[in-house]
Amino acid sequence: MDRQLELMAQAASWLFLPGHLPQRLEQAQACGAHALVVDLEEFTPKDQQRQACQAFYDFADACRARHRLPMVRINRLEDSGAHELKLLMAARPAAVFLPRVEQPAQLQALAALLDACEAELDMTPGSTVIVPTLESRTGLERAGELLVVSPRLRAALIGTGDLATDLQLPPEMPFETRIETIRPYRERFLADCQAAGVQAIDGPWSAPLPFEQDQNWSVALGFRARCVVNTEQLPALHLSLNNKQKDSSDSHHTPERNNP
């Protein structure tokens, strides 16, 4: 489990994938993303979610063969998430993402289900990580409380697209204004994650503006991981983080003085 947590802490790019398209799942293995997340909630049609749960087994095996961690985002437990979890757990997902988290009880219920599934499958207790998606004003305002609910919680994702909807930002709002409106929520989310000692995953970028500019802002703020839905953004994401690491390393290096 220590190695699993180490890989998770090192993951900078978290690619979300539809679970019902085998070709996409296979292609993702070679795309360079550090973490691969099958998304049953948003990217997989409801009538194909069961099929996606079955396909997750081969996907998980392929991930482990390439030293990646298989992950999944289920639906809310009160919808189909509890059933999905029972179908998936024998494949041993490294992490389970839970959408639209606003109440501690949501995370407590998921932790209890994971406890039961791990015991039934003779898995290491606590080995499945929980990653909540905070994507509403309420969820983000309660982040400080939510992020410490369970020791299973090692990372959290901010859902910027759904946050914009929750904030009722009008469709005609200029993208620059939309971005500036959401940025304070990203700043607070990062601060709350840092205070709780969990990895902060920045939200995806789908605006018709250059990704690089916002990614550089994200890294300068302190984010070290980001959700991605477009593989074309991966090179810029990795470059920005590599540059940040290089700058940090250079700033801590004191050159030797030449002898007079």
Protein backbone atom coordinates (compact mmCIF):
# COMPACT_ATOMS: atom_id res chain seq x y z
CA MET A 1 0.00 0.00 0.00
CA ASP A 2 2.91 2.35 0.68
CA ARG A 3 3.98 2.06 -2.97
CA GLN A 4 0.41 2.76 -4.09
CA LEU A 5 0.26 5.94 -2.01
CA GLU A 6 3.68 6.98 -3.29
CA LEU A 7 2.57 6.63 -6.92
CA MET A 8 -0.60 8.57 -6.17
CA ALA A 9 1.30 11.40 -4.50
CA GLN A 10 3.61 11.64 -7.53
CA ALA A 11 0.77 11.72 -10.09
CA ALA A 12 0.50 15.12 -11.76
CA SER A 13 -1.93 14.35 -14.61
CA TRP A 14 -5.22 12.58 -13.86
CA LEU A 15 -6.95 11.59 -17.11
CA PHE A 16 -10.70 10.91 -16.94
CA LEU A 17 -12.04 8.34 -19.42
CA PRO A 18 -15.35 6.88 -20.58
CA GLY A 19 -15.71 3.34 -19.29
CA HIS A 20 -17.67 1.90 -22.19
CA LEU A 21 -15.18 2.43 -25.02
CA PRO A 22 -12.49 -0.32 -25.00
CA GLN A 23 -10.39 1.44 -27.63
CA ARG A 24 -10.20 4.62 -25.55
CA LEU A 25 -9.22 2.62 -22.48
CA GLU A 26 -6.48 0.85 -24.42
CA GLN A 27 -5.16 4.05 -25.99
CA ALA A 28 -5.02 5.75 -22.60
CA GLN A 29 -2.40 3.28 -21.41
CA ALA A 30 0.11 4.81 -23.83
CA CYS A 31 -0.87 8.49 -23.59
CA GLY A 32 1.55 9.46 -20.82
CA ALA A 33 -1.01 10.45 -18.17
CA HIS A 34 0.13 9.52 -14.68
CA ALA A 35 -3.28 8.47 -13.34
CA LEU A 36 -6.18 6.94 -15.30
CA VAL A 37 -9.71 7.34 -13.97
CA VAL A 38 -12.69 5.53 -15.50
CA ASP A 39 -15.58 7.97 -15.08
CA LEU A 40 -18.92 6.23 -14.69
CA GLU A 41 -20.68 9.37 -13.52
CA GLU A 42 -20.19 11.81 -16.37
CA PHE A 43 -18.51 10.10 -19.34
CA THR A 44 -20.31 6.75 -19.41
CA PRO A 45 -23.97 6.45 -20.56
CA LYS A 46 -26.26 5.03 -17.89
CA ASP A 47 -27.30 2.09 -20.03
CA GLN A 48 -23.64 1.05 -20.42
CA GLN A 49 -22.42 1.49 -16.87
CA ARG A 50 -22.69 -2.21 -16.03
CA GLN A 51 -20.69 -3.06 -19.14
CA ALA A 52 -18.11 -0.47 -18.07
CA CYS A 53 -17.82 -2.07 -14.62
CA GLN A 54 -17.05 -5.40 -16.25
CA ALA A 55 -14.50 -3.81 -18.60
CA PHE A 56 -12.77 -2.23 -15.61
CA TYR A 57 -11.24 -5.59 -14.66
CA ASP A 58 -9.11 -5.85 -17.81
CA PHE A 59 -8.37 -2.13 -17.58
CA ALA A 60 -7.13 -2.53 -13.99
CA ASP A 61 -4.86 -5.42 -14.97
CA ALA A 62 -3.40 -3.38 -17.84
CA CYS A 63 -2.78 -0.43 -15.52
CA ARG A 64 -0.90 -2.52 -12.98
CA ALA A 65 1.19 -4.16 -15.71
CA ARG A 66 2.37 -0.64 -16.62
CA HIS A 67 2.86 0.44 -12.99
CA ARG A 68 -0.18 2.72 -13.05
CA LEU A 69 -3.01 2.82 -10.56
CA PRO A 70 -6.53 1.89 -11.79
CA MET A 71 -9.10 4.35 -10.49
CA VAL A 72 -12.81 4.93 -10.95
CA ARG A 73 -15.40 7.64 -10.36
CA ILE A 74 -18.73 6.12 -9.40
CA ASN A 75 -22.11 7.78 -9.22
CA ARG A 76 -23.49 9.01 -5.93
CA LEU A 77 -24.22 6.10 -3.61
CA GLU A 78 -27.93 6.91 -3.46
CA ASP A 79 -28.08 6.73 -7.25
CA SER A 80 -26.23 3.73 -8.71
CA GLY A 81 -22.88 4.20 -6.97
CA ALA A 82 -23.36 1.58 -4.24
CA HIS A 83 -24.23 -1.07 -6.84
CA GLU A 84 -21.30 -0.04 -9.05
CA LEU A 85 -18.94 -0.34 -6.13
CA LYS A 86 -19.97 -3.92 -5.47
CA LEU A 87 -19.41 -4.78 -9.13
CA LEU A 88 -15.98 -3.08 -9.17
CA MET A 89 -14.29 -3.90 -5.90
CA ALA A 90 -12.99 -7.34 -6.85
CA ALA A 91 -10.88 -5.52 -9.48
CA ARG A 92 -9.26 -3.64 -6.56
CA PRO A 93 -9.41 0.00 -7.70
CA ALA A 94 -6.66 2.05 -6.10
CA ALA A 95 -9.00 4.98 -5.59
CA VAL A 96 -12.71 5.68 -5.77
CA PHE A 97 -13.86 9.17 -6.70
CA LEU A 98 -17.20 10.31 -5.28
CA PRO A 99 -19.02 13.14 -7.10
CA ARG A 100 -20.94 16.13 -5.72
CA VAL A 101 -19.74 15.81 -2.14
CA GLU A 102 -21.27 18.34 0.25
CA GLN A 103 -21.90 16.41 3.48
CA PRO A 104 -19.56 14.39 5.73
CA ALA A 105 -22.20 11.62 5.77
CA GLN A 106 -21.57 10.97 2.05
CA LEU A 107 -17.91 10.19 2.72
CA GLN A 108 -18.68 8.24 5.89
CA ALA A 109 -21.12 6.04 3.95
CA LEU A 110 -18.56 5.37 1.23
CA ALA A 111 -15.88 4.54 3.81
CA ALA A 112 -18.24 2.08 5.50
CA LEU A 113 -19.03 0.37 2.18
CA LEU A 114 -15.32 0.11 1.39
CA ASP A 115 -14.70 -1.39 4.83
CA ALA A 116 -17.30 -4.07 4.13
CA CYS A 117 -16.09 -4.80 0.59
CA GLU A 118 -12.44 -5.05 1.62
CA ALA A 119 -13.33 -7.43 4.46
CA GLU A 120 -15.43 -9.62 2.16
CA LEU A 121 -12.66 -9.77 -0.46
CA ASP A 122 -9.86 -10.26 2.09
CA MET A 123 -8.20 -7.01 0.99
CA THR A 124 -5.88 -4.94 3.16
CA PRO A 125 -8.14 -2.78 5.36
CA GLY A 126 -8.09 0.84 4.27
CA SER A 127 -6.23 0.12 1.03
CA THR A 128 -8.82 1.83 -1.22
CA VAL A 129 -8.40 5.59 -1.29
CA ILE A 130 -11.37 7.98 -1.37
CA VAL A 131 -11.17 11.08 -3.58
CA PRO A 132 -14.14 13.47 -3.19
CA THR A 133 -15.12 15.79 -6.01
CA LEU A 134 -16.07 19.21 -4.63
CA GLU A 135 -18.07 20.97 -7.31
CA SER A 136 -20.51 23.29 -5.60
CA ARG A 137 -20.27 26.41 -3.47
CA THR A 138 -21.56 24.41 -0.49
CA GLY A 139 -19.02 21.63 -0.95
CA LEU A 140 -16.12 24.04 -1.28
CA GLU A 141 -17.21 26.14 1.68
CA ARG A 142 -17.23 22.95 3.80
CA ALA A 143 -13.95 21.62 2.41
CA GLY A 144 -12.09 22.05 5.67
CA GLU A 145 -14.60 19.78 7.38
CA LEU A 146 -15.00 17.29 4.54
CA LEU A 147 -11.32 16.65 3.89
CA VAL A 148 -10.67 15.22 7.35
CA VAL A 149 -13.64 12.83 7.54
CA SER A 150 -11.68 9.61 6.85
CA PRO A 151 -8.04 8.47 6.82
CA ARG A 152 -8.85 6.96 3.42
CA LEU A 153 -9.03 10.48 2.00
CA ARG A 154 -5.67 11.24 0.38
CA ALA A 155 -6.65 13.55 -2.49
CA ALA A 156 -9.53 15.77 -3.60
CA LEU A 157 -10.71 17.17 -6.94
CA ILE A 158 -12.35 20.52 -7.61
CA GLY A 159 -15.03 20.27 -10.32
CA THR A 160 -14.79 23.68 -11.96
CA GLY A 161 -17.33 23.02 -14.71
CA ASP A 162 -20.13 22.03 -12.35
CA LEU A 163 -19.07 24.80 -9.98
CA ALA A 164 -19.73 27.35 -12.72
CA THR A 165 -23.22 25.87 -13.13
CA ASP A 166 -23.82 25.90 -9.37
CA LEU A 167 -22.76 29.55 -9.23
CA GLN A 168 -25.26 30.23 -12.03
CA LEU A 169 -22.70 31.96 -14.20
CA PRO A 170 -24.59 33.01 -17.35
CA PRO A 171 -23.62 31.31 -20.61
CA GLU A 172 -23.03 34.68 -22.24
CA MET A 173 -20.43 35.65 -19.62
CA PRO A 174 -17.01 36.18 -21.30
CA PHE A 175 -14.66 33.28 -20.61
CA GLU A 176 -12.06 35.60 -19.10
CA THR A 177 -14.63 36.80 -16.56
CA ARG A 178 -15.78 33.24 -15.88
CA ILE A 179 -12.22 32.16 -15.20
CA GLU A 180 -11.56 35.08 -12.86
CA THR A 181 -14.82 34.37 -11.00
CA ILE A 182 -13.84 30.75 -10.33
CA ARG A 183 -10.19 31.34 -9.47
CA PRO A 184 -10.82 32.39 -5.83
CA TYR A 185 -12.61 29.07 -5.26
CA ARG A 186 -9.60 27.22 -6.66
CA GLU A 187 -7.32 29.21 -4.37
CA ARG A 188 -9.39 28.39 -1.31
CA PHE A 189 -9.68 24.73 -2.32
CA LEU A 190 -5.90 24.44 -2.58
CA ALA A 191 -5.42 26.09 0.80
CA ASP A 192 -7.94 23.75 2.44
CA CYS A 193 -6.27 20.69 0.89
CA GLN A 194 -2.87 21.81 2.09
CA ALA A 195 -4.23 22.40 5.60
CA ALA A 196 -5.76 18.89 5.63
CA GLY A 197 -2.64 17.26 4.19
CA VAL A 198 -4.35 15.89 1.07
CA GLN A 199 -3.35 16.18 -2.57
CA ALA A 200 -5.22 18.96 -4.41
CA ILE A 201 -6.23 18.11 -7.98
CA ASP A 202 -7.09 21.19 -10.02
CA GLY A 203 -10.13 21.10 -12.30
CA PRO A 204 -10.17 20.42 -16.07
CA TRP A 205 -9.72 23.10 -18.69
CA SER A 206 -12.28 23.30 -21.51
CA ALA A 207 -12.34 27.04 -22.24
CA PRO A 208 -11.57 28.19 -25.81
CA LEU A 209 -8.47 29.94 -24.50
CA PRO A 210 -4.87 28.68 -24.32
CA PHE A 211 -4.47 25.99 -21.68
CA GLU A 212 -0.84 26.89 -21.02
CA GLN A 213 -1.61 30.29 -19.48
CA ASP A 214 -4.06 28.91 -16.94
CA GLN A 215 -1.85 25.91 -16.21
CA ASN A 216 1.09 28.20 -15.44
CA TRP A 217 -1.18 30.16 -13.07
CA SER A 218 -2.25 26.89 -11.42
CA VAL A 219 1.34 25.78 -10.86
CA ALA A 220 2.44 29.19 -9.62
CA LEU A 221 -0.41 29.11 -7.10
CA GLY A 222 0.79 25.76 -5.77
CA PHE A 223 -1.20 23.02 -7.53
CA ARG A 224 0.90 19.95 -8.37
CA ALA A 225 -1.84 17.85 -10.00
CA ARG A 226 -4.62 18.43 -12.51
CA CYS A 227 -7.61 16.64 -13.96
CA VAL A 228 -7.39 16.26 -17.75
CA VAL A 229 -10.04 15.25 -20.28
CA ASN A 230 -8.05 16.20 -23.39
CA THR A 231 -4.80 14.28 -23.90
CA GLU A 232 -3.44 17.12 -26.07
CA GLN A 233 -3.00 19.13 -22.86
CA LEU A 234 -0.69 16.59 -21.25
CA PRO A 235 2.63 17.89 -22.69
CA ALA A 236 1.95 21.45 -21.49
CA LEU A 237 0.83 20.21 -18.07
CA HIS A 238 3.94 18.08 -17.57
CA LEU A 239 6.23 20.81 -18.89
CA SER A 240 4.84 23.41 -16.50
CA LEU A 241 5.36 21.13 -13.51
CA ASN A 242 8.83 20.08 -14.63
CA ASN A 243 9.80 23.73 -15.02
CA LYS A 244 8.46 24.48 -11.55
CA GLN A 245 10.48 21.64 -10.07
CA LYS A 246 13.59 22.79 -11.91
CA ASP A 247 13.14 26.39 -10.73
CA SER A 248 12.63 25.18 -7.17
CA SER A 249 15.74 23.02 -7.37
CA ASP A 250 17.81 25.87 -8.82
CA SER A 251 16.64 28.28 -6.13
CA HIS A 252 17.89 25.91 -3.43
CA HIS A 253 21.27 25.40 -5.08
CA THR A 254 24.04 27.68 -3.90
CA PRO A 255 26.90 27.83 -6.39
CA GLU A 256 30.41 27.46 -5.04
CA ARG A 257 32.47 30.61 -4.92
CA ASN A 258 35.66 30.71 -6.95
CA ASN A 259 38.78 30.99 -4.85
CA PRO A 260 40.48 34.39 -5.28
